[in-house]
Every structure is written in structure tokens, then in C-alpha cells.
Amino acid sequence: MKVSSPNKTLILMVLVLATLTTLALGQSNRGGGGGTRVGFYRSTCPRVESIVQAAVQSAVRANPTIAPGLLRMFFHDCFVNGCDASILIDGASTEKTARPNSLLRGFEVIDAAKSRLETACPGVVSCADIVALVARDSVVLAGGPSWQVPLGRRDGLVSQASDTSNLPAFNDPISVQIQKFADKGLNTQDLVTLVGGHTIGTAACFTFSYRLYNFNNTNGPDPDINPAFLPQLRALCPNGGDGTVRVGLDTGSVNRFDNSYFANLRNGRGVLESDAKLWSDPTTQRFVQRFLGIRGLLGLRFDVEFGRSMVKMGNIGLKTGSQGEIRRVCTATN
């Protein structure tokens, strides 16, 4: 049958559009901005969110301090090889063994959720998606906001301790923090918002005690620390004392997810050096001010922006479609 010229043109246009769509999907699957969606398991595992939520509730009720650990786990996973649950893999020289991850807690909660999901819908839900859901549920149980979590991630096949070298560190200057977040497609507002997750949780004395006694070889404390706050920190972390003792990052509200963390920064009560710099550096201070509703500045709602930035972070380096795998257990590849 002979095809007329207008029909040939139409067919060609359809083929071009199909090709472009395929290419776009392939690019989004390689990482960055696409590939997940809310309701991904609606037909294949409809109870996924309630099953994960039950596992988190059980753990947090037994030990409220587990919530910040689960939130931090998502952060540390996404910043290394993308949000692919590579942080969960056991073995020599895996991400889990790296120094920045040595104090991560809550792996047993992920394992419990995975076990229940494998009973309900075997081989369907990725460990990477469980980590994302657990982070959200931990925030909610600490009194924070909820948000819809796009799902559809697949689990990574590689986990190397050496890949953790670019994780944000407790003594990073603001310029370095901004660059590390920018490398992941996150802007300065995302930086301030996500570090606001320190409204819950603690830090070990060894991560900040250098600020209390001989900061930068001055034989004195970090000038960013409020002098009235200094004795409190020194009492908790004596010079030469036990570096593993843990101190709340949000004084007076350590287990409550709220924006008092930003008020503490303004008042010179930031515990980590990297946190304190969010106030002392003008580049980030303006976002802290906006979360505090400083007069004359366009305000930001921490509860709203935190969910948005978490979704954005959750799309870093996605593995979707035929990439990666759905692990049978979260601690090992298939």
C-alpha cells in the first residue's frame, strides 16, 4: 500500500517523538531528577507505607533516640552513589565501615521492615525505598511534618568505603558545604533546610570538643560559641574526657522536630562547627533568618520546606527501571 506524503510526515513525527521520549527516560534513569512517583506500589504492594510505618513506630516507641539515626541514614545513603541503599550492605570496606558512617544507627529497623514486606509482597519493594519511607516516618514520629514520598528506586550493587570521602563533615566551611550540596543538585536553601534535621539527634564530643578549648590553636574557644553556653558544653565534654559522650544538637529540644534549632544557631548555641557557620556566614544566615521569620525578610516555613528538600534529595542518582535490583535482604546484593 502506498503511503501518502502527509501520512509519511506524521509517521516520522511520531517516531521522532517516541525516540526523544525514550532518550529522556533513559537520562532520568541514569540519575538526578526523575524515575520515581507517588503511588509506585499501588497495585503491586498497596500496604507498603503502613507496613514500614508500623516497623518504625515499634522501634521509636521503644527508643525515641533511634529517629534521628534513621533520618541521618537516608542522608548518608543519598550523598554516596545516590539513594540506592548502598549504605546497608555488609562486608569489608563497604560504606557502612567508613568513619563518617561508624555511628549510624537503626539498621535493624530497615531489616524488620524489609522482612515484613517480603512476607506481604516478596521481591517487590526495594531497600532504597524503605530507607526513604523510614526517614519520613521518623520525622513524623518526632513531631515533624509529613510529606508524600515518591517511590520506585532500585537497589545499588556497589558499596565502597572510599566513596564516602565527599560526605559533608562537621568542620566543613560554608563554601565547602555549599559545593558538596551543589554537586548533588541541591542549592543553598536546601543545605540550610536539610541541616535543619539536626533539630533532632546528638553528636559525640569528639566531633566538636576542639571548639571548646583550643580552637585553631588560639588556646581559647571558638568565638562563634555563646560565652554563656560554653560552660554547659565544657561540663558535658571535659578537656581530655570521653569523646564518645553524646550531646544534643538542638539544646532544649533534642527529641522534638521543630525550628528551635535555628533559634539556637542565632543565639550562638550551635554545637557543631559546620552548624554554627550557618549563622556566622551571611550566605546561609539569610535562610536561617527566613526560617525564624525575621522582620523584613520573606519567611520560610521549615515544616513545608523540609519535606520539599527531602524529596529533592531523594532523587539524587536514581537507579530505576532495569538498573540495580530488588534485594532479597538489605544487607547483601542478590
C-alpha atoms as a PDB file:
ATOM      1  CA  MET A   1       0.000   0.000   0.000  1.00  0.00           C
ATOM      2  CA  LYS A   2       1.372   3.375  -0.937  1.00  0.00           C
ATOM      3  CA  VAL A   3       1.654   5.885   1.926  1.00  0.00           C
ATOM      4  CA  SER A   4       0.811   9.476   1.068  1.00  0.00           C
ATOM      5  CA  SER A   5       3.307  12.230   1.762  1.00  0.00           C
ATOM      6  CA  PRO A   6       1.322  13.872   4.642  1.00  0.00           C
ATOM      7  CA  ASN A   7       0.999  10.450   6.305  1.00  0.00           C
ATOM      8  CA  LYS A   8       4.720   9.851   5.914  1.00  0.00           C
ATOM      9  CA  THR A   9       5.360  13.148   7.680  1.00  0.00           C
ATOM     10  CA  LEU A  10       3.005  12.237  10.508  1.00  0.00           C
ATOM     11  CA  ILE A  11       4.599   8.812  10.959  1.00  0.00           C
ATOM     12  CA  LEU A  12       8.057  10.373  11.003  1.00  0.00           C
ATOM     13  CA  MET A  13       6.990  12.886  13.672  1.00  0.00           C
ATOM     14  CA  VAL A  14       5.579  10.088  15.860  1.00  0.00           C
ATOM     15  CA  LEU A  15       8.810   8.112  15.543  1.00  0.00           C
ATOM     16  CA  VAL A  16      10.922  11.157  16.432  1.00  0.00           C
ATOM     17  CA  LEU A  17       8.775  11.917  19.488  1.00  0.00           C
ATOM     18  CA  ALA A  18       8.956   8.288  20.632  1.00  0.00           C
ATOM     19  CA  THR A  19      12.736   8.326  20.277  1.00  0.00           C
ATOM     20  CA  LEU A  20      13.075  11.578  22.220  1.00  0.00           C
ATOM     21  CA  THR A  21      10.836  10.237  24.987  1.00  0.00           C
ATOM     22  CA  THR A  22      12.909   7.074  25.245  1.00  0.00           C
ATOM     23  CA  LEU A  23      16.117   9.102  25.446  1.00  0.00           C
ATOM     24  CA  ALA A  24      14.658  11.400  28.118  1.00  0.00           C
ATOM     25  CA  LEU A  25      13.561   8.441  30.210  1.00  0.00           C
ATOM     26  CA  GLY A  26      16.957   6.856  29.861  1.00  0.00           C
ATOM     27  CA  GLN A  27      18.665  10.060  31.014  1.00  0.00           C
ATOM     28  CA  SER A  28      16.377  10.415  34.030  1.00  0.00           C
ATOM     29  CA  ASN A  29      17.027   6.798  34.968  1.00  0.00           C
ATOM     30  CA  ARG A  30      20.765   7.406  34.966  1.00  0.00           C
ATOM     31  CA  GLY A  31      20.344   9.735  37.900  1.00  0.00           C
ATOM     32  CA  GLY A  32      19.093  13.119  39.025  1.00  0.00           C
ATOM     33  CA  GLY A  33      15.545  14.218  38.650  1.00  0.00           C
ATOM     34  CA  GLY A  34      13.113  11.523  37.561  1.00  0.00           C
ATOM     35  CA  GLY A  35      12.014   7.939  37.691  1.00  0.00           C
ATOM     36  CA  THR A  36      10.119   7.863  40.997  1.00  0.00           C
ATOM     37  CA  ARG A  37       6.484   8.625  41.616  1.00  0.00           C
ATOM     38  CA  VAL A  38       3.987   8.714  44.459  1.00  0.00           C
ATOM     39  CA  GLY A  39       1.931   5.520  44.479  1.00  0.00           C
ATOM     40  CA  PHE A  40       4.529   3.423  42.661  1.00  0.00           C
ATOM     41  CA  TYR A  41       3.490   0.260  44.568  1.00  0.00           C
ATOM     42  CA  ARG A  42      -0.250   0.958  44.500  1.00  0.00           C
ATOM     43  CA  SER A  43      -1.050  -2.277  42.632  1.00  0.00           C
ATOM     44  CA  THR A  44       1.994  -4.433  43.499  1.00  0.00           C
ATOM     45  CA  CYS A  45       2.251  -3.804  47.259  1.00  0.00           C
ATOM     46  CA  PRO A  46      -0.553  -1.488  48.373  1.00  0.00           C
ATOM     47  CA  ARG A  47       0.242  -1.736  52.110  1.00  0.00           C
ATOM     48  CA  VAL A  48       3.906  -0.796  51.742  1.00  0.00           C
ATOM     49  CA  GLU A  49       3.651   2.501  53.643  1.00  0.00           C
ATOM     50  CA  SER A  50       1.626   1.146  56.549  1.00  0.00           C
ATOM     51  CA  ILE A  51       3.959  -1.861  56.905  1.00  0.00           C
ATOM     52  CA  VAL A  52       7.054   0.362  57.032  1.00  0.00           C
ATOM     53  CA  GLN A  53       5.344   2.812  59.358  1.00  0.00           C
ATOM     54  CA  ALA A  54       4.487   0.031  61.826  1.00  0.00           C
ATOM     55  CA  ALA A  55       8.127  -1.077  61.956  1.00  0.00           C
ATOM     56  CA  VAL A  56       9.318   2.483  62.611  1.00  0.00           C
ATOM     57  CA  GLN A  57       6.650   3.130  65.244  1.00  0.00           C
ATOM     58  CA  SER A  58       7.636  -0.002  67.138  1.00  0.00           C
ATOM     59  CA  ALA A  59      11.318   0.994  67.128  1.00  0.00           C
ATOM     60  CA  VAL A  60      10.836   4.663  68.028  1.00  0.00           C
ATOM     61  CA  ARG A  61       8.396   3.894  70.838  1.00  0.00           C
ATOM     62  CA  ALA A  62      10.973   1.543  72.334  1.00  0.00           C
ATOM     63  CA  ASN A  63      13.798   4.056  71.830  1.00  0.00           C
ATOM     64  CA  PRO A  64      12.968   7.630  70.677  1.00  0.00           C
ATOM     65  CA  THR A  65      16.655   8.341  70.029  1.00  0.00           C
ATOM     66  CA  ILE A  66      16.576   5.974  67.046  1.00  0.00           C
ATOM     67  CA  ALA A  67      14.581   8.510  64.951  1.00  0.00           C
ATOM     68  CA  PRO A  68      17.478  10.890  64.172  1.00  0.00           C
ATOM     69  CA  GLY A  69      19.664   7.914  63.297  1.00  0.00           C
ATOM     70  CA  LEU A  70      17.183   6.758  60.678  1.00  0.00           C
ATOM     71  CA  LEU A  71      16.922  10.253  59.207  1.00  0.00           C
ATOM     72  CA  ARG A  72      20.699  10.566  59.049  1.00  0.00           C
ATOM     73  CA  MET A  73      20.949   7.174  57.335  1.00  0.00           C
ATOM     74  CA  PHE A  74      18.902   8.442  54.371  1.00  0.00           C
ATOM     75  CA  PHE A  75      21.154  11.495  54.080  1.00  0.00           C
ATOM     76  CA  HIS A  76      24.332   9.403  54.154  1.00  0.00           C
ATOM     77  CA  ASP A  77      22.903   6.955  51.635  1.00  0.00           C
ATOM     78  CA  CYS A  78      21.812   9.557  49.089  1.00  0.00           C
ATOM     79  CA  PHE A  79      25.089  11.509  49.190  1.00  0.00           C
ATOM     80  CA  VAL A  80      27.109   8.404  48.210  1.00  0.00           C
ATOM     81  CA  ASN A  81      26.253   6.801  44.847  1.00  0.00           C
ATOM     82  CA  GLY A  82      22.717   8.163  45.065  1.00  0.00           C
ATOM     83  CA  CYS A  83      19.698   6.906  47.025  1.00  0.00           C
ATOM     84  CA  ASP A  84      20.302   3.206  46.373  1.00  0.00           C
ATOM     85  CA  ALA A  85      20.601   1.618  49.842  1.00  0.00           C
ATOM     86  CA  SER A  86      24.328   1.035  49.333  1.00  0.00           C
ATOM     87  CA  ILE A  87      24.751   2.199  52.956  1.00  0.00           C
ATOM     88  CA  LEU A  88      23.066  -1.026  54.131  1.00  0.00           C
ATOM     89  CA  ILE A  89      25.419  -3.583  52.594  1.00  0.00           C
ATOM     90  CA  ASP A  90      27.589  -5.583  54.997  1.00  0.00           C
ATOM     91  CA  GLY A  91      31.181  -6.568  54.313  1.00  0.00           C
ATOM     92  CA  ALA A  92      34.770  -5.438  54.472  1.00  0.00           C
ATOM     93  CA  SER A  93      35.384  -1.924  53.140  1.00  0.00           C
ATOM     94  CA  THR A  94      31.712  -1.198  52.447  1.00  0.00           C
ATOM     95  CA  GLU A  95      30.178   2.253  53.083  1.00  0.00           C
ATOM     96  CA  LYS A  96      28.910   1.042  56.436  1.00  0.00           C
ATOM     97  CA  THR A  97      32.507   0.568  57.645  1.00  0.00           C
ATOM     98  CA  ALA A  98      33.694   4.084  56.717  1.00  0.00           C
ATOM     99  CA  ARG A  99      34.470   6.503  59.542  1.00  0.00           C
ATOM    100  CA  PRO A 100      31.681   9.004  58.674  1.00  0.00           C
ATOM    101  CA  ASN A 101      29.178   6.141  58.987  1.00  0.00           C
ATOM    102  CA  SER A 102      30.647   4.491  62.074  1.00  0.00           C
ATOM    103  CA  LEU A 103      27.994   5.922  64.397  1.00  0.00           C
ATOM    104  CA  LEU A 104      24.946   5.345  62.183  1.00  0.00           C
ATOM    105  CA  ARG A 105      22.116   3.577  63.986  1.00  0.00           C
ATOM    106  CA  GLY A 106      18.833   1.877  63.134  1.00  0.00           C
ATOM    107  CA  PHE A 107      19.845  -0.736  60.578  1.00  0.00           C
ATOM    108  CA  GLU A 108      17.713  -3.289  62.409  1.00  0.00           C
ATOM    109  CA  VAL A 109      14.615  -1.155  61.708  1.00  0.00           C
ATOM    110  CA  ILE A 110      15.245  -1.355  57.967  1.00  0.00           C
ATOM    111  CA  ASP A 111      15.743  -5.118  58.260  1.00  0.00           C
ATOM    112  CA  ALA A 112      12.476  -5.504  60.203  1.00  0.00           C
ATOM    113  CA  ALA A 113      10.513  -3.515  57.615  1.00  0.00           C
ATOM    114  CA  LYS A 114      12.089  -5.494  54.751  1.00  0.00           C
ATOM    115  CA  SER A 115      11.252  -8.810  56.419  1.00  0.00           C
ATOM    116  CA  ARG A 116       7.598  -7.836  56.797  1.00  0.00           C
ATOM    117  CA  LEU A 117       7.432  -6.608  53.195  1.00  0.00           C
ATOM    118  CA  GLU A 118       8.980  -9.802  51.862  1.00  0.00           C
ATOM    119  CA  THR A 119       6.182 -11.706  53.589  1.00  0.00           C
ATOM    120  CA  ALA A 120       3.462  -9.415  52.228  1.00  0.00           C
ATOM    121  CA  CYS A 121       4.817  -8.898  48.701  1.00  0.00           C
ATOM    122  CA  PRO A 122       8.055 -10.789  48.064  1.00  0.00           C
ATOM    123  CA  GLY A 123      10.621  -9.348  45.691  1.00  0.00           C
ATOM    124  CA  VAL A 124       8.711  -6.114  45.090  1.00  0.00           C
ATOM    125  CA  VAL A 125       9.860  -3.269  47.381  1.00  0.00           C
ATOM    126  CA  SER A 126      13.449  -2.033  47.220  1.00  0.00           C
ATOM    127  CA  CYS A 127      15.559  -1.388  50.289  1.00  0.00           C
ATOM    128  CA  ALA A 128      16.252   2.085  48.884  1.00  0.00           C
ATOM    129  CA  ASP A 129      12.548   2.920  49.024  1.00  0.00           C
ATOM    130  CA  ILE A 130      12.331   1.549  52.557  1.00  0.00           C
ATOM    131  CA  VAL A 131      15.141   3.885  53.659  1.00  0.00           C
ATOM    132  CA  ALA A 132      13.269   6.856  52.143  1.00  0.00           C
ATOM    133  CA  LEU A 133       9.993   5.936  53.849  1.00  0.00           C
ATOM    134  CA  VAL A 134      11.670   5.255  57.187  1.00  0.00           C
ATOM    135  CA  ALA A 135      13.291   8.725  57.136  1.00  0.00           C
ATOM    136  CA  ARG A 136       9.893  10.387  56.615  1.00  0.00           C
ATOM    137  CA  ASP A 137       8.170   8.295  59.279  1.00  0.00           C
ATOM    138  CA  SER A 138      10.952   9.031  61.789  1.00  0.00           C
ATOM    139  CA  VAL A 139      10.449  12.771  61.323  1.00  0.00           C
ATOM    140  CA  VAL A 140       6.686  12.427  61.775  1.00  0.00           C
ATOM    141  CA  LEU A 141       7.108  10.422  64.982  1.00  0.00           C
ATOM    142  CA  ALA A 142       9.427  13.133  66.322  1.00  0.00           C
ATOM    143  CA  GLY A 143       6.631  15.684  65.875  1.00  0.00           C
ATOM    144  CA  GLY A 144       7.726  16.898  62.457  1.00  0.00           C
ATOM    145  CA  PRO A 145       5.900  17.251  59.137  1.00  0.00           C
ATOM    146  CA  SER A 146       4.794  14.528  56.774  1.00  0.00           C
ATOM    147  CA  TRP A 147       5.221  14.561  53.005  1.00  0.00           C
ATOM    148  CA  GLN A 148       4.453  12.274  50.099  1.00  0.00           C
ATOM    149  CA  VAL A 149       7.451  10.101  49.244  1.00  0.00           C
ATOM    150  CA  PRO A 150       7.929   9.286  45.544  1.00  0.00           C
ATOM    151  CA  LEU A 151       8.957   5.630  45.183  1.00  0.00           C
ATOM    152  CA  GLY A 152      10.398   3.373  42.517  1.00  0.00           C
ATOM    153  CA  ARG A 153      14.117   3.324  43.390  1.00  0.00           C
ATOM    154  CA  ARG A 154      16.146   0.192  42.842  1.00  0.00           C
ATOM    155  CA  ASP A 155      18.977  -1.060  44.998  1.00  0.00           C
ATOM    156  CA  GLY A 156      22.596  -0.470  44.064  1.00  0.00           C
ATOM    157  CA  LEU A 157      25.162  -3.198  43.522  1.00  0.00           C
ATOM    158  CA  VAL A 158      28.248  -1.335  44.741  1.00  0.00           C
ATOM    159  CA  SER A 159      29.214  -0.185  48.252  1.00  0.00           C
ATOM    160  CA  GLN A 160      32.745   1.088  48.899  1.00  0.00           C
ATOM    161  CA  ALA A 161      34.042   2.898  51.956  1.00  0.00           C
ATOM    162  CA  SER A 162      36.274   5.037  49.735  1.00  0.00           C
ATOM    163  CA  ASP A 163      33.199   6.613  48.120  1.00  0.00           C
ATOM    164  CA  THR A 164      32.231   8.323  51.398  1.00  0.00           C
ATOM    165  CA  SER A 165      35.068  10.873  51.265  1.00  0.00           C
ATOM    166  CA  ASN A 166      32.791  13.616  49.946  1.00  0.00           C
ATOM    167  CA  LEU A 167      30.159  13.330  52.667  1.00  0.00           C
ATOM    168  CA  PRO A 168      29.609  16.703  54.395  1.00  0.00           C
ATOM    169  CA  ALA A 169      31.778  16.885  57.530  1.00  0.00           C
ATOM    170  CA  PHE A 170      31.297  18.521  60.945  1.00  0.00           C
ATOM    171  CA  ASN A 171      34.132  21.005  60.324  1.00  0.00           C
ATOM    172  CA  ASP A 172      33.426  21.933  56.690  1.00  0.00           C
ATOM    173  CA  PRO A 173      33.447  25.684  55.978  1.00  0.00           C
ATOM    174  CA  ILE A 174      30.309  27.067  54.342  1.00  0.00           C
ATOM    175  CA  SER A 175      31.920  27.272  50.901  1.00  0.00           C
ATOM    176  CA  VAL A 176      32.712  23.556  51.034  1.00  0.00           C
ATOM    177  CA  GLN A 177      29.246  22.688  52.331  1.00  0.00           C
ATOM    178  CA  ILE A 178      27.630  24.662  49.512  1.00  0.00           C
ATOM    179  CA  GLN A 179      29.802  22.959  46.903  1.00  0.00           C
ATOM    180  CA  LYS A 180      29.121  19.454  48.245  1.00  0.00           C
ATOM    181  CA  PHE A 181      25.377  20.082  48.103  1.00  0.00           C
ATOM    182  CA  ALA A 182      25.612  21.742  44.673  1.00  0.00           C
ATOM    183  CA  ASP A 183      27.426  18.657  43.371  1.00  0.00           C
ATOM    184  CA  LYS A 184      24.254  16.729  44.204  1.00  0.00           C
ATOM    185  CA  GLY A 185      21.901  19.243  42.583  1.00  0.00           C
ATOM    186  CA  LEU A 186      20.932  20.881  45.887  1.00  0.00           C
ATOM    187  CA  ASN A 187      21.064  24.644  46.399  1.00  0.00           C
ATOM    188  CA  THR A 188      21.955  26.751  49.433  1.00  0.00           C
ATOM    189  CA  GLN A 189      18.374  26.815  50.701  1.00  0.00           C
ATOM    190  CA  ASP A 190      18.295  23.013  50.520  1.00  0.00           C
ATOM    191  CA  LEU A 191      21.544  22.950  52.507  1.00  0.00           C
ATOM    192  CA  VAL A 192      20.172  25.044  55.358  1.00  0.00           C
ATOM    193  CA  THR A 193      16.851  23.213  55.293  1.00  0.00           C
ATOM    194  CA  LEU A 194      18.300  19.705  55.362  1.00  0.00           C
ATOM    195  CA  VAL A 195      20.915  20.504  58.005  1.00  0.00           C
ATOM    196  CA  GLY A 196      17.904  21.678  59.998  1.00  0.00           C
ATOM    197  CA  GLY A 197      17.302  17.963  60.508  1.00  0.00           C
ATOM    198  CA  HIS A 198      19.782  18.417  63.368  1.00  0.00           C
ATOM    199  CA  THR A 199      16.784  19.645  65.336  1.00  0.00           C
ATOM    200  CA  ILE A 200      16.691  16.009  66.487  1.00  0.00           C
ATOM    201  CA  GLY A 201      19.690  13.947  67.469  1.00  0.00           C
ATOM    202  CA  THR A 202      23.039  14.186  69.169  1.00  0.00           C
ATOM    203  CA  ALA A 203      26.737  14.485  68.376  1.00  0.00           C
ATOM    204  CA  ALA A 204      29.708  12.800  70.023  1.00  0.00           C
ATOM    205  CA  CYS A 205      32.057  15.068  71.962  1.00  0.00           C
ATOM    206  CA  PHE A 206      34.963  14.229  69.669  1.00  0.00           C
ATOM    207  CA  THR A 207      33.156  15.952  66.774  1.00  0.00           C
ATOM    208  CA  PHE A 208      33.165  19.382  68.437  1.00  0.00           C
ATOM    209  CA  SER A 209      35.229  19.452  71.653  1.00  0.00           C
ATOM    210  CA  TYR A 210      38.132  21.044  69.753  1.00  0.00           C
ATOM    211  CA  ARG A 211      35.932  24.150  69.580  1.00  0.00           C
ATOM    212  CA  LEU A 212      35.783  24.417  73.381  1.00  0.00           C
ATOM    213  CA  TYR A 213      39.415  24.658  74.447  1.00  0.00           C
ATOM    214  CA  ASN A 214      41.979  25.353  71.740  1.00  0.00           C
ATOM    215  CA  PHE A 215      40.145  26.394  68.613  1.00  0.00           C
ATOM    216  CA  ASN A 216      42.546  26.893  65.691  1.00  0.00           C
ATOM    217  CA  ASN A 217      45.494  26.902  68.134  1.00  0.00           C
ATOM    218  CA  THR A 218      44.233  30.037  69.901  1.00  0.00           C
ATOM    219  CA  ASN A 219      44.195  28.457  73.393  1.00  0.00           C
ATOM    220  CA  GLY A 220      40.619  29.640  73.569  1.00  0.00           C
ATOM    221  CA  PRO A 221      37.144  28.619  72.401  1.00  0.00           C
ATOM    222  CA  ASP A 222      35.521  29.176  69.025  1.00  0.00           C
ATOM    223  CA  PRO A 223      34.241  32.788  69.122  1.00  0.00           C
ATOM    224  CA  ASP A 224      31.011  31.624  67.466  1.00  0.00           C
ATOM    225  CA  ILE A 225      30.035  29.902  70.733  1.00  0.00           C
ATOM    226  CA  ASN A 226      27.910  31.994  73.082  1.00  0.00           C
ATOM    227  CA  PRO A 227      30.052  32.531  76.250  1.00  0.00           C
ATOM    228  CA  ALA A 228      27.008  31.627  78.369  1.00  0.00           C
ATOM    229  CA  PHE A 229      26.704  28.309  76.520  1.00  0.00           C
ATOM    230  CA  LEU A 230      30.382  27.409  76.790  1.00  0.00           C
ATOM    231  CA  PRO A 231      30.367  26.155  80.442  1.00  0.00           C
ATOM    232  CA  GLN A 232      27.470  23.829  79.636  1.00  0.00           C
ATOM    233  CA  LEU A 233      29.356  22.242  76.741  1.00  0.00           C
ATOM    234  CA  ARG A 234      32.604  22.024  78.738  1.00  0.00           C
ATOM    235  CA  ALA A 235      30.794  20.265  81.577  1.00  0.00           C
ATOM    236  CA  LEU A 236      29.427  17.697  79.140  1.00  0.00           C
ATOM    237  CA  CYS A 237      32.740  17.314  77.284  1.00  0.00           C
ATOM    238  CA  PRO A 238      35.680  17.934  79.673  1.00  0.00           C
ATOM    239  CA  ASN A 239      39.068  18.561  78.106  1.00  0.00           C
ATOM    240  CA  GLY A 240      40.606  15.131  77.520  1.00  0.00           C
ATOM    241  CA  GLY A 241      37.381  13.384  78.542  1.00  0.00           C
ATOM    242  CA  ASP A 242      35.373  10.619  76.895  1.00  0.00           C
ATOM    243  CA  GLY A 243      34.935  11.617  73.260  1.00  0.00           C
ATOM    244  CA  THR A 244      32.035   9.237  72.722  1.00  0.00           C
ATOM    245  CA  VAL A 245      29.692  11.042  75.150  1.00  0.00           C
ATOM    246  CA  ARG A 246      26.739  12.378  73.180  1.00  0.00           C
ATOM    247  CA  VAL A 247      25.316  15.898  73.354  1.00  0.00           C
ATOM    248  CA  GLY A 248      22.047  17.210  71.916  1.00  0.00           C
ATOM    249  CA  LEU A 249      22.392  19.225  68.706  1.00  0.00           C
ATOM    250  CA  ASP A 250      19.283  21.283  69.481  1.00  0.00           C
ATOM    251  CA  THR A 251      19.624  22.308  73.124  1.00  0.00           C
ATOM    252  CA  GLY A 252      16.312  22.106  74.959  1.00  0.00           C
ATOM    253  CA  SER A 253      14.533  20.262  72.138  1.00  0.00           C
ATOM    254  CA  VAL A 254      16.720  17.290  71.301  1.00  0.00           C
ATOM    255  CA  ASN A 255      13.907  14.821  70.550  1.00  0.00           C
ATOM    256  CA  ARG A 256      11.404  17.281  69.082  1.00  0.00           C
ATOM    257  CA  PHE A 257      11.365  18.176  65.389  1.00  0.00           C
ATOM    258  CA  ASP A 258      10.839  21.949  65.275  1.00  0.00           C
ATOM    259  CA  ASN A 259      12.625  25.125  64.198  1.00  0.00           C
ATOM    260  CA  SER A 260      14.162  25.859  67.611  1.00  0.00           C
ATOM    261  CA  TYR A 261      17.400  24.581  66.080  1.00  0.00           C
ATOM    262  CA  PHE A 262      17.586  27.782  64.032  1.00  0.00           C
ATOM    263  CA  ALA A 263      16.946  29.928  67.106  1.00  0.00           C
ATOM    264  CA  ASN A 264      19.850  28.175  68.814  1.00  0.00           C
ATOM    265  CA  LEU A 265      22.109  28.987  65.854  1.00  0.00           C
ATOM    266  CA  ARG A 266      21.140  32.646  66.105  1.00  0.00           C
ATOM    267  CA  ASN A 267      21.883  32.584  69.832  1.00  0.00           C
ATOM    268  CA  GLY A 268      25.368  31.121  69.453  1.00  0.00           C
ATOM    269  CA  ARG A 269      24.281  27.669  70.589  1.00  0.00           C
ATOM    270  CA  GLY A 270      25.240  25.669  67.524  1.00  0.00           C
ATOM    271  CA  VAL A 271      27.114  22.561  68.690  1.00  0.00           C
ATOM    272  CA  LEU A 272      28.917  21.522  65.516  1.00  0.00           C
ATOM    273  CA  GLU A 273      31.230  23.991  63.799  1.00  0.00           C
ATOM    274  CA  SER A 274      29.513  23.365  60.449  1.00  0.00           C
ATOM    275  CA  ASP A 275      26.148  24.186  62.064  1.00  0.00           C
ATOM    276  CA  ALA A 276      27.395  27.357  63.769  1.00  0.00           C
ATOM    277  CA  LYS A 277      28.726  28.634  60.440  1.00  0.00           C
ATOM    278  CA  LEU A 278      25.184  28.635  59.046  1.00  0.00           C
ATOM    279  CA  TRP A 279      24.614  31.726  61.207  1.00  0.00           C
ATOM    280  CA  SER A 280      28.045  33.366  61.096  1.00  0.00           C
ATOM    281  CA  ASP A 281      28.263  33.247  57.290  1.00  0.00           C
ATOM    282  CA  PRO A 282      25.966  35.765  55.521  1.00  0.00           C
ATOM    283  CA  THR A 283      25.392  33.392  52.588  1.00  0.00           C
ATOM    284  CA  THR A 284      23.465  30.961  54.765  1.00  0.00           C
ATOM    285  CA  GLN A 285      22.422  33.298  57.578  1.00  0.00           C
ATOM    286  CA  ARG A 286      19.685  34.831  55.447  1.00  0.00           C
ATOM    287  CA  PHE A 287      17.966  31.454  55.128  1.00  0.00           C
ATOM    288  CA  VAL A 288      18.201  30.865  58.874  1.00  0.00           C
ATOM    289  CA  GLN A 289      16.635  34.297  59.365  1.00  0.00           C
ATOM    290  CA  ARG A 290      13.821  33.451  56.972  1.00  0.00           C
ATOM    291  CA  PHE A 291      13.035  30.270  58.898  1.00  0.00           C
ATOM    292  CA  LEU A 292      12.914  32.387  62.045  1.00  0.00           C
ATOM    293  CA  GLY A 293      10.577  34.919  60.441  1.00  0.00           C
ATOM    294  CA  ILE A 294      12.932  37.874  60.852  1.00  0.00           C
ATOM    295  CA  ARG A 295      11.028  41.068  60.100  1.00  0.00           C
ATOM    296  CA  GLY A 296      11.595  42.462  56.616  1.00  0.00           C
ATOM    297  CA  LEU A 297      12.535  39.105  55.083  1.00  0.00           C
ATOM    298  CA  LEU A 298      10.291  36.778  53.132  1.00  0.00           C
ATOM    299  CA  GLY A 299       9.555  33.979  55.568  1.00  0.00           C
ATOM    300  CA  LEU A 300      10.035  30.264  55.017  1.00  0.00           C
ATOM    301  CA  ARG A 301       8.105  27.507  56.785  1.00  0.00           C
ATOM    302  CA  PHE A 302      10.541  24.863  57.953  1.00  0.00           C
ATOM    303  CA  ASP A 303       7.900  22.119  58.051  1.00  0.00           C
ATOM    304  CA  VAL A 304       6.974  22.739  54.404  1.00  0.00           C
ATOM    305  CA  GLU A 305      10.465  23.297  53.035  1.00  0.00           C
ATOM    306  CA  PHE A 306      11.953  20.293  54.811  1.00  0.00           C
ATOM    307  CA  GLY A 307       9.618  17.909  53.008  1.00  0.00           C
ATOM    308  CA  ARG A 308      10.360  19.561  49.657  1.00  0.00           C
ATOM    309  CA  SER A 309      14.110  19.325  50.142  1.00  0.00           C
ATOM    310  CA  MET A 310      13.846  15.709  51.299  1.00  0.00           C
ATOM    311  CA  VAL A 311      12.005  14.797  48.097  1.00  0.00           C
ATOM    312  CA  LYS A 312      14.644  16.638  46.092  1.00  0.00           C
ATOM    313  CA  MET A 313      17.472  14.852  47.904  1.00  0.00           C
ATOM    314  CA  GLY A 314      15.644  11.556  47.444  1.00  0.00           C
ATOM    315  CA  ASN A 315      16.056  11.891  43.675  1.00  0.00           C
ATOM    316  CA  ILE A 316      19.861  12.023  43.748  1.00  0.00           C
ATOM    317  CA  GLY A 317      21.489   9.456  41.448  1.00  0.00           C
ATOM    318  CA  LEU A 318      18.395   7.352  40.981  1.00  0.00           C
ATOM    319  CA  LYS A 319      18.540   3.772  39.796  1.00  0.00           C
ATOM    320  CA  THR A 320      15.199   2.838  38.282  1.00  0.00           C
ATOM    321  CA  GLY A 321      13.722   0.563  35.657  1.00  0.00           C
ATOM    322  CA  SER A 322      16.224  -2.144  34.731  1.00  0.00           C
ATOM    323  CA  GLN A 323      19.072  -0.637  36.760  1.00  0.00           C
ATOM    324  CA  GLY A 324      20.192  -2.193  40.019  1.00  0.00           C
ATOM    325  CA  GLU A 325      17.985  -4.822  41.620  1.00  0.00           C
ATOM    326  CA  ILE A 326      15.406  -5.509  44.308  1.00  0.00           C
ATOM    327  CA  ARG A 327      17.430  -7.121  47.109  1.00  0.00           C
ATOM    328  CA  ARG A 328      16.045 -10.123  48.963  1.00  0.00           C
ATOM    329  CA  VAL A 329      17.734  -8.861  52.123  1.00  0.00           C
ATOM    330  CA  CYS A 330      19.008  -5.338  52.568  1.00  0.00           C
ATOM    331  CA  THR A 331      22.459  -6.252  53.869  1.00  0.00           C
ATOM    332  CA  ALA A 332      23.648  -8.061  50.739  1.00  0.00           C
ATOM    333  CA  THR A 333      23.234  -7.980  46.974  1.00  0.00           C
ATOM    334  CA  ASN A 334      21.415 -10.853  45.346  1.00  0.00           C
END
